[in-house]
């Protein structure tokens, strides 16, 4: 799974390379396919629980989630 991250990060750099457009498209397609395959095959190695936890970090709905133990102002007003 860690190997797939640099491949995904290299994709935005490909358009700025000094090569013809057909080669850029080919390289980008190959990078996407290989990165996806390595990511999902890595999920098989780490197991379902760890893979689900890792995948939840990339879900935008979980980015602003209230952490357990934090108290909101509305919780204090009820006391």
PDB file of N, CA and C in Angstrom:
ATOM      1  N   UNK A   1       0.823  -1.185   0.000  1.00  0.00           N
ATOM      2  CA  UNK A   1       0.000   0.000   0.000  1.00  0.00           C
ATOM      3  C   UNK A   1       0.865   1.246   0.000  1.00  0.00           C
ATOM      4  N   UNK A   2       1.989   1.191   0.673  1.00  0.00           N
ATOM      5  CA  UNK A   2       2.883   2.341   0.726  1.00  0.00           C
ATOM      6  C   UNK A   2       3.517   2.597  -0.646  1.00  0.00           C
ATOM      7  N   UNK A   3       3.742   1.545  -1.401  1.00  0.00           N
ATOM      8  CA  UNK A   3       4.343   1.681  -2.730  1.00  0.00           C
ATOM      9  C   UNK A   3       3.404   2.416  -3.673  1.00  0.00           C
ATOM     10  N   UNK A   4       2.104   2.314  -3.484  1.00  0.00           N
ATOM     11  CA  UNK A   4       1.156   2.963  -4.390  1.00  0.00           C
ATOM     12  C   UNK A   4       1.130   4.482  -4.224  1.00  0.00           C
ATOM     13  N   UNK A   5       1.468   4.987  -3.046  1.00  0.00           N
ATOM     14  CA  UNK A   5       1.401   6.431  -2.790  1.00  0.00           C
ATOM     15  C   UNK A   5       2.341   7.219  -3.696  1.00  0.00           C
ATOM     16  N   UNK A   6       3.623   6.858  -3.847  1.00  0.00           N
ATOM     17  CA  UNK A   6       4.482   7.629  -4.759  1.00  0.00           C
ATOM     18  C   UNK A   6       4.002   7.584  -6.207  1.00  0.00           C
ATOM     19  N   UNK A   7       3.393   6.477  -6.601  1.00  0.00           N
ATOM     20  CA  UNK A   7       2.871   6.399  -7.965  1.00  0.00           C
ATOM     21  C   UNK A   7       1.744   7.391  -8.169  1.00  0.00           C
ATOM     22  N   UNK A   8       0.848   7.480  -7.195  1.00  0.00           N
ATOM     23  CA  UNK A   8      -0.232   8.456  -7.286  1.00  0.00           C
ATOM     24  C   UNK A   8       0.320   9.886  -7.259  1.00  0.00           C
ATOM     25  N   UNK A   9       1.355  10.123  -6.481  1.00  0.00           N
ATOM     26  CA  UNK A   9       1.931  11.466  -6.390  1.00  0.00           C
ATOM     27  C   UNK A   9       2.694  11.863  -7.659  1.00  0.00           C
ATOM     28  N   UNK A  10       3.165  10.894  -8.410  1.00  0.00           N
ATOM     29  CA  UNK A  10       3.909  11.187  -9.627  1.00  0.00           C
ATOM     30  C   UNK A  10       2.986  11.559 -10.789  1.00  0.00           C
ATOM     31  N   UNK A  11       1.715  11.187 -10.727  1.00  0.00           N
ATOM     32  CA  UNK A  11       0.767  11.437 -11.818  1.00  0.00           C
ATOM     33  C   UNK A  11       0.649  12.931 -12.155  1.00  0.00           C
ATOM     34  N   UNK A  12       0.533  13.854 -11.187  1.00  0.00           N
ATOM     35  CA  UNK A  12       0.440  15.275 -11.563  1.00  0.00           C
ATOM     36  C   UNK A  12       1.725  15.840 -12.172  1.00  0.00           C
ATOM     37  N   UNK A  13       2.837  15.154 -12.012  1.00  0.00           N
ATOM     38  CA  UNK A  13       4.113  15.618 -12.561  1.00  0.00           C
ATOM     39  C   UNK A  13       4.252  15.243 -14.038  1.00  0.00           C
ATOM     40  N   UNK A  14       3.590  14.178 -14.447  1.00  0.00           N
ATOM     41  CA  UNK A  14       3.731  13.662 -15.815  1.00  0.00           C
ATOM     42  C   UNK A  14       3.435  14.714 -16.883  1.00  0.00           C
ATOM     43  N   UNK A  15       2.409  15.567 -16.770  1.00  0.00           N
ATOM     44  CA  UNK A  15       2.155  16.547 -17.835  1.00  0.00           C
ATOM     45  C   UNK A  15       3.290  17.540 -18.064  1.00  0.00           C
ATOM     46  N   UNK A  16       4.142  17.716 -17.085  1.00  0.00           N
ATOM     47  CA  UNK A  16       5.232  18.678 -17.217  1.00  0.00           C
ATOM     48  C   UNK A  16       6.518  18.065 -17.765  1.00  0.00           C
ATOM     49  N   UNK A  17       6.508  16.768 -18.051  1.00  0.00           N
ATOM     50  CA  UNK A  17       7.681  16.122 -18.618  1.00  0.00           C
ATOM     51  C   UNK A  17       7.850  16.520 -20.079  1.00  0.00           C
ATOM     52  N   UNK A  18       9.072  16.510 -20.541  1.00  0.00           N
ATOM     53  CA  UNK A  18       9.378  16.927 -21.910  1.00  0.00           C
ATOM     54  C   UNK A  18       9.306  15.709 -22.848  1.00  0.00           C
ATOM     55  N   UNK A  19       8.099  15.159 -23.001  1.00  0.00           N
ATOM     56  CA  UNK A  19       7.868  14.031 -23.892  1.00  0.00           C
ATOM     57  C   UNK A  19       6.576  14.292 -24.664  1.00  0.00           C
ATOM     58  N   UNK A  20       6.333  13.521 -25.710  1.00  0.00           N
ATOM     59  CA  UNK A  20       5.121  13.757 -26.506  1.00  0.00           C
ATOM     60  C   UNK A  20       3.863  13.339 -25.735  1.00  0.00           C
ATOM     61  N   UNK A  21       2.722  13.866 -26.171  1.00  0.00           N
ATOM     62  CA  UNK A  21       1.463  13.677 -25.442  1.00  0.00           C
ATOM     63  C   UNK A  21       1.013  12.226 -25.381  1.00  0.00           C
ATOM     64  N   UNK A  22       1.254  11.475 -26.442  1.00  0.00           N
ATOM     65  CA  UNK A  22       0.843  10.075 -26.439  1.00  0.00           C
ATOM     66  C   UNK A  22       1.582   9.295 -25.349  1.00  0.00           C
ATOM     67  N   UNK A  23       2.837   9.586 -25.171  1.00  0.00           N
ATOM     68  CA  UNK A  23       3.628   8.929 -24.137  1.00  0.00           C
ATOM     69  C   UNK A  23       3.158   9.353 -22.742  1.00  0.00           C
ATOM     70  N   UNK A  24       2.790  10.633 -22.584  1.00  0.00           N
ATOM     71  CA  UNK A  24       2.281  11.116 -21.293  1.00  0.00           C
ATOM     72  C   UNK A  24       0.997  10.376 -20.916  1.00  0.00           C
ATOM     73  N   UNK A  25       0.115  10.190 -21.901  1.00  0.00           N
ATOM     74  CA  UNK A  25      -1.139   9.486 -21.640  1.00  0.00           C
ATOM     75  C   UNK A  25      -0.871   8.039 -21.256  1.00  0.00           C
ATOM     76  N   UNK A  26       0.066   7.422 -21.964  1.00  0.00           N
ATOM     77  CA  UNK A  26       0.411   6.027 -21.674  1.00  0.00           C
ATOM     78  C   UNK A  26       1.010   5.892 -20.272  1.00  0.00           C
ATOM     79  N   UNK A  27       1.926   6.764 -19.925  1.00  0.00           N
ATOM     80  CA  UNK A  27       2.571   6.713 -18.605  1.00  0.00           C
ATOM     81  C   UNK A  27       1.542   6.939 -17.496  1.00  0.00           C
ATOM     82  N   UNK A  28       0.654   7.908 -17.692  1.00  0.00           N
ATOM     83  CA  UNK A  28      -0.365   8.194 -16.685  1.00  0.00           C
ATOM     84  C   UNK A  28      -1.294   6.999 -16.493  1.00  0.00           C
ATOM     85  N   UNK A  29      -1.712   6.391 -17.595  1.00  0.00           N
ATOM     86  CA  UNK A  29      -2.592   5.224 -17.507  1.00  0.00           C
ATOM     87  C   UNK A  29      -1.910   4.076 -16.788  1.00  0.00           C
ATOM     88  N   UNK A  30      -0.672   3.820 -17.139  1.00  0.00           N
ATOM     89  CA  UNK A  30       0.078   2.732 -16.496  1.00  0.00           C
ATOM     90  C   UNK A  30       0.251   3.007 -15.002  1.00  0.00           C
ATOM     91  N   UNK A  31       0.569   4.259 -14.641  1.00  0.00           N
ATOM     92  CA  UNK A  31       0.735   4.600 -13.227  1.00  0.00           C
ATOM     93  C   UNK A  31      -0.556   4.404 -12.437  1.00  0.00           C
ATOM     94  N   UNK A  32      -1.680   4.801 -13.023  1.00  0.00           N
ATOM     95  CA  UNK A  32      -2.964   4.645 -12.330  1.00  0.00           C
ATOM     96  C   UNK A  32      -3.278   3.171 -12.112  1.00  0.00           C
ATOM     97  N   UNK A  33      -3.086   2.364 -13.162  1.00  0.00           N
ATOM     98  CA  UNK A  33      -3.405   0.940 -13.050  1.00  0.00           C
ATOM     99  C   UNK A  33      -2.496   0.253 -12.033  1.00  0.00           C
ATOM    100  N   UNK A  34      -1.202   0.500 -12.120  1.00  0.00           N
ATOM    101  CA  UNK A  34      -0.256  -0.149 -11.201  1.00  0.00           C
ATOM    102  C   UNK A  34      -0.486   0.323  -9.764  1.00  0.00           C
ATOM    103  N   UNK A  35      -0.761   1.619  -9.576  1.00  0.00           N
ATOM    104  CA  UNK A  35      -0.992   2.134  -8.230  1.00  0.00           C
ATOM    105  C   UNK A  35      -2.250   1.532  -7.619  1.00  0.00           C
ATOM    106  N   UNK A  36      -3.302   1.402  -8.411  1.00  0.00           N
ATOM    107  CA  UNK A  36      -4.536   0.796  -7.896  1.00  0.00           C
ATOM    108  C   UNK A  36      -4.324  -0.684  -7.555  1.00  0.00           C
ATOM    109  N   UNK A  37      -3.638  -1.389  -8.427  1.00  0.00           N
ATOM    110  CA  UNK A  37      -3.398  -2.813  -8.183  1.00  0.00           C
ATOM    111  C   UNK A  37      -2.545  -3.009  -6.934  1.00  0.00           C
ATOM    112  N   UNK A  38      -1.493  -2.209  -6.770  1.00  0.00           N
ATOM    113  CA  UNK A  38      -0.647  -2.357  -5.583  1.00  0.00           C
ATOM    114  C   UNK A  38      -1.395  -1.955  -4.316  1.00  0.00           C
ATOM    115  N   UNK A  39      -2.263  -0.943  -4.402  1.00  0.00           N
ATOM    116  CA  UNK A  39      -3.036  -0.528  -3.229  1.00  0.00           C
ATOM    117  C   UNK A  39      -3.983  -1.636  -2.778  1.00  0.00           C
ATOM    118  N   UNK A  40      -4.749  -2.181  -3.717  1.00  0.00           N
ATOM    119  CA  UNK A  40      -5.724  -3.204  -3.348  1.00  0.00           C
ATOM    120  C   UNK A  40      -5.059  -4.531  -2.999  1.00  0.00           C
ATOM    121  N   UNK A  41      -3.955  -4.878  -3.625  1.00  0.00           N
ATOM    122  CA  UNK A  41      -3.252  -6.103  -3.238  1.00  0.00           C
ATOM    123  C   UNK A  41      -2.602  -5.936  -1.868  1.00  0.00           C
ATOM    124  N   UNK A  42      -2.178  -4.723  -1.552  1.00  0.00           N
ATOM    125  CA  UNK A  42      -1.672  -4.449  -0.216  1.00  0.00           C
ATOM    126  C   UNK A  42      -2.749  -4.631   0.830  1.00  0.00           C
ATOM    127  N   UNK A  43      -3.990  -4.328   0.452  1.00  0.00           N
ATOM    128  CA  UNK A  43      -5.119  -4.544   1.361  1.00  0.00           C
ATOM    129  C   UNK A  43      -5.318  -6.004   1.696  1.00  0.00           C
ATOM    130  N   UNK A  44      -5.010  -6.869   0.744  1.00  0.00           N
ATOM    131  CA  UNK A  44      -5.108  -8.305   1.014  1.00  0.00           C
ATOM    132  C   UNK A  44      -4.054  -8.757   2.021  1.00  0.00           C
ATOM    133  N   UNK A  45      -2.880  -8.141   1.965  1.00  0.00           N
ATOM    134  CA  UNK A  45      -1.805  -8.531   2.873  1.00  0.00           C
ATOM    135  C   UNK A  45      -2.023  -8.047   4.301  1.00  0.00           C
ATOM    136  N   UNK A  46      -2.555  -6.827   4.467  1.00  0.00           N
ATOM    137  CA  UNK A  46      -2.689  -6.277   5.823  1.00  0.00           C
ATOM    138  C   UNK A  46      -3.936  -6.756   6.540  1.00  0.00           C
ATOM    139  N   UNK A  47      -4.889  -7.282   5.828  1.00  0.00           N
ATOM    140  CA  UNK A  47      -6.096  -7.791   6.457  1.00  0.00           C
ATOM    141  C   UNK A  47      -7.244  -6.803   6.383  1.00  0.00           C
ATOM    142  N   UNK A  48      -8.429  -7.309   6.590  1.00  0.00           N
ATOM    143  CA  UNK A  48      -9.645  -6.517   6.420  1.00  0.00           C
ATOM    144  C   UNK A  48      -9.747  -5.371   7.424  1.00  0.00           C
ATOM    145  N   UNK A  49      -9.453  -5.622   8.693  1.00  0.00           N
ATOM    146  CA  UNK A  49      -9.625  -4.608   9.715  1.00  0.00           C
ATOM    147  C   UNK A  49      -8.692  -3.423   9.506  1.00  0.00           C
ATOM    148  N   UNK A  50      -7.414  -3.718   9.295  1.00  0.00           N
ATOM    149  CA  UNK A  50      -6.449  -2.644   9.117  1.00  0.00           C
ATOM    150  C   UNK A  50      -6.688  -1.895   7.812  1.00  0.00           C
ATOM    151  N   UNK A  51      -7.079  -2.627   6.767  1.00  0.00           N
ATOM    152  CA  UNK A  51      -7.346  -1.990   5.481  1.00  0.00           C
ATOM    153  C   UNK A  51      -8.556  -1.063   5.576  1.00  0.00           C
ATOM    154  N   UNK A  52      -9.593  -1.465   6.279  1.00  0.00           N
ATOM    155  CA  UNK A  52     -10.776  -0.628   6.454  1.00  0.00           C
ATOM    156  C   UNK A  52     -10.430   0.640   7.237  1.00  0.00           C
ATOM    157  N   UNK A  53      -9.606   0.500   8.264  1.00  0.00           N
ATOM    158  CA  UNK A  53      -9.179   1.657   9.053  1.00  0.00           C
ATOM    159  C   UNK A  53      -8.351   2.598   8.198  1.00  0.00           C
ATOM    160  N   UNK A  54      -7.424   2.056   7.397  1.00  0.00           N
ATOM    161  CA  UNK A  54      -6.571   2.873   6.528  1.00  0.00           C
ATOM    162  C   UNK A  54      -7.411   3.584   5.476  1.00  0.00           C
ATOM    163  N   UNK A  55      -8.386   2.884   4.918  1.00  0.00           N
ATOM    164  CA  UNK A  55      -9.243   3.462   3.889  1.00  0.00           C
ATOM    165  C   UNK A  55     -10.124   4.570   4.468  1.00  0.00           C
ATOM    166  N   UNK A  56     -10.500   4.464   5.736  1.00  0.00           N
ATOM    167  CA  UNK A  56     -11.356   5.484   6.346  1.00  0.00           C
ATOM    168  C   UNK A  56     -10.621   6.814   6.509  1.00  0.00           C
ATOM    169  N   UNK A  57      -9.293   6.791   6.582  1.00  0.00           N
ATOM    170  CA  UNK A  57      -8.533   8.035   6.664  1.00  0.00           C
ATOM    171  C   UNK A  57      -8.697   8.866   5.396  1.00  0.00           C
ATOM    172  N   UNK A  58      -8.965   8.234   4.267  1.00  0.00           N
ATOM    173  CA  UNK A  58      -9.092   8.944   3.006  1.00  0.00           C
ATOM    174  C   UNK A  58     -10.529   9.329   2.687  1.00  0.00           C
ATOM    175  N   UNK A  59     -11.470   8.998   3.565  1.00  0.00           N
ATOM    176  CA  UNK A  59     -12.861   9.360   3.364  1.00  0.00           C
ATOM    177  C   UNK A  59     -13.076  10.779   3.888  1.00  0.00           C
ATOM    178  N   UNK A  60     -13.471  11.724   3.014  1.00  0.00           N
ATOM    179  CA  UNK A  60     -13.636  13.117   3.454  1.00  0.00           C
ATOM    180  C   UNK A  60     -14.659  13.298   4.574  1.00  0.00           C
ATOM    181  N   UNK A  61     -15.629  12.393   4.698  1.00  0.00           N
ATOM    182  CA  UNK A  61     -16.611  12.510   5.776  1.00  0.00           C
ATOM    183  C   UNK A  61     -15.964  12.349   7.143  1.00  0.00           C
ATOM    184  N   UNK A  62     -14.846  11.648   7.218  1.00  0.00           N
ATOM    185  CA  UNK A  62     -14.188  11.391   8.501  1.00  0.00           C
ATOM    186  C   UNK A  62     -13.166  12.465   8.874  1.00  0.00           C
ATOM    187  N   UNK A  63     -12.931  13.424   8.000  1.00  0.00           N
ATOM    188  CA  UNK A  63     -11.894  14.425   8.264  1.00  0.00           C
ATOM    189  C   UNK A  63     -12.283  15.416   9.350  1.00  0.00           C
ATOM    190  N   UNK A  64     -13.549  15.714   9.494  1.00  0.00           N
ATOM    191  CA  UNK A  64     -13.984  16.693  10.485  1.00  0.00           C
ATOM    192  C   UNK A  64     -14.833  16.046  11.576  1.00  0.00           C
ATOM    193  N   UNK A  65     -14.650  14.774  11.747  1.00  0.00           N
ATOM    194  CA  UNK A  65     -15.396  14.027  12.741  1.00  0.00           C
ATOM    195  C   UNK A  65     -14.990  14.460  14.147  1.00  0.00           C
ATOM    196  N   UNK A  66     -15.976  14.530  15.050  1.00  0.00           N
ATOM    197  CA  UNK A  66     -15.696  14.866  16.444  1.00  0.00           C
ATOM    198  C   UNK A  66     -14.986  13.693  17.093  1.00  0.00           C
ATOM    199  N   UNK A  67     -13.853  13.960  17.710  1.00  0.00           N
ATOM    200  CA  UNK A  67     -13.104  12.906  18.390  1.00  0.00           C
ATOM    201  C   UNK A  67     -13.770  12.576  19.726  1.00  0.00           C
ATOM    202  N   UNK A  68     -13.651  11.331  20.137  1.00  0.00           N
ATOM    203  CA  UNK A  68     -14.229  10.945  21.421  1.00  0.00           C
ATOM    204  C   UNK A  68     -13.476  11.651  22.535  1.00  0.00           C
ATOM    205  N   UNK A  69     -14.206  12.106  23.503  1.00  0.00           N
ATOM    206  CA  UNK A  69     -13.585  12.815  24.609  1.00  0.00           C
ATOM    207  C   UNK A  69     -13.699  14.322  24.466  1.00  0.00           C
ATOM    208  N   UNK A  70     -13.955  14.823  23.276  1.00  0.00           N
ATOM    209  CA  UNK A  70     -14.124  16.256  23.093  1.00  0.00           C
ATOM    210  C   UNK A  70     -15.549  16.630  23.473  1.00  0.00           C
ATOM    211  N   UNK A  71     -15.690  17.756  24.106  1.00  0.00           N
ATOM    212  CA  UNK A  71     -17.003  18.214  24.528  1.00  0.00           C
ATOM    213  C   UNK A  71     -17.354  19.465  23.736  1.00  0.00           C
ATOM    214  N   UNK A  72     -18.525  19.436  23.132  1.00  0.00           N
ATOM    215  CA  UNK A  72     -18.987  20.600  22.393  1.00  0.00           C
ATOM    216  C   UNK A  72     -19.673  21.567  23.343  1.00  0.00           C
ATOM    217  N   UNK A  73     -19.810  22.814  22.893  1.00  0.00           N
ATOM    218  CA  UNK A  73     -20.468  23.831  23.717  1.00  0.00           C
ATOM    219  C   UNK A  73     -21.898  23.436  24.022  1.00  0.00           C
ATOM    220  N   UNK A  74     -22.585  22.808  23.061  1.00  0.00           N
ATOM    221  CA  UNK A  74     -23.979  22.409  23.293  1.00  0.00           C
ATOM    222  C   UNK A  74     -24.068  21.339  24.380  1.00  0.00           C
ATOM    223  N   UNK A  75     -23.035  20.525  24.540  1.00  0.00           N
ATOM    224  CA  UNK A  75     -23.015  19.515  25.603  1.00  0.00           C
ATOM    225  C   UNK A  75     -22.886  20.174  26.974  1.00  0.00           C
ATOM    226  N   UNK A  76     -22.139  21.263  27.061  1.00  0.00           N
ATOM    227  CA  UNK A  76     -21.919  21.948  28.339  1.00  0.00           C
ATOM    228  C   UNK A  76     -23.180  22.678  28.766  1.00  0.00           C
ATOM    229  N   UNK A  77     -23.922  23.237  27.805  1.00  0.00           N
ATOM    230  CA  UNK A  77     -25.135  23.987  28.123  1.00  0.00           C
ATOM    231  C   UNK A  77     -26.218  23.129  28.762  1.00  0.00           C
ATOM    232  N   UNK A  78     -26.197  21.827  28.520  1.00  0.00           N
ATOM    233  CA  UNK A  78     -27.232  20.961  29.064  1.00  0.00           C
ATOM    234  C   UNK A  78     -27.049  20.678  30.550  1.00  0.00           C
ATOM    235  N   UNK A  79     -25.876  20.960  31.099  1.00  0.00           N
ATOM    236  CA  UNK A  79     -25.635  20.695  32.516  1.00  0.00           C
ATOM    237  C   UNK A  79     -26.177  21.761  33.371  1.00  0.00           C
TER     238      UNK A  79
END
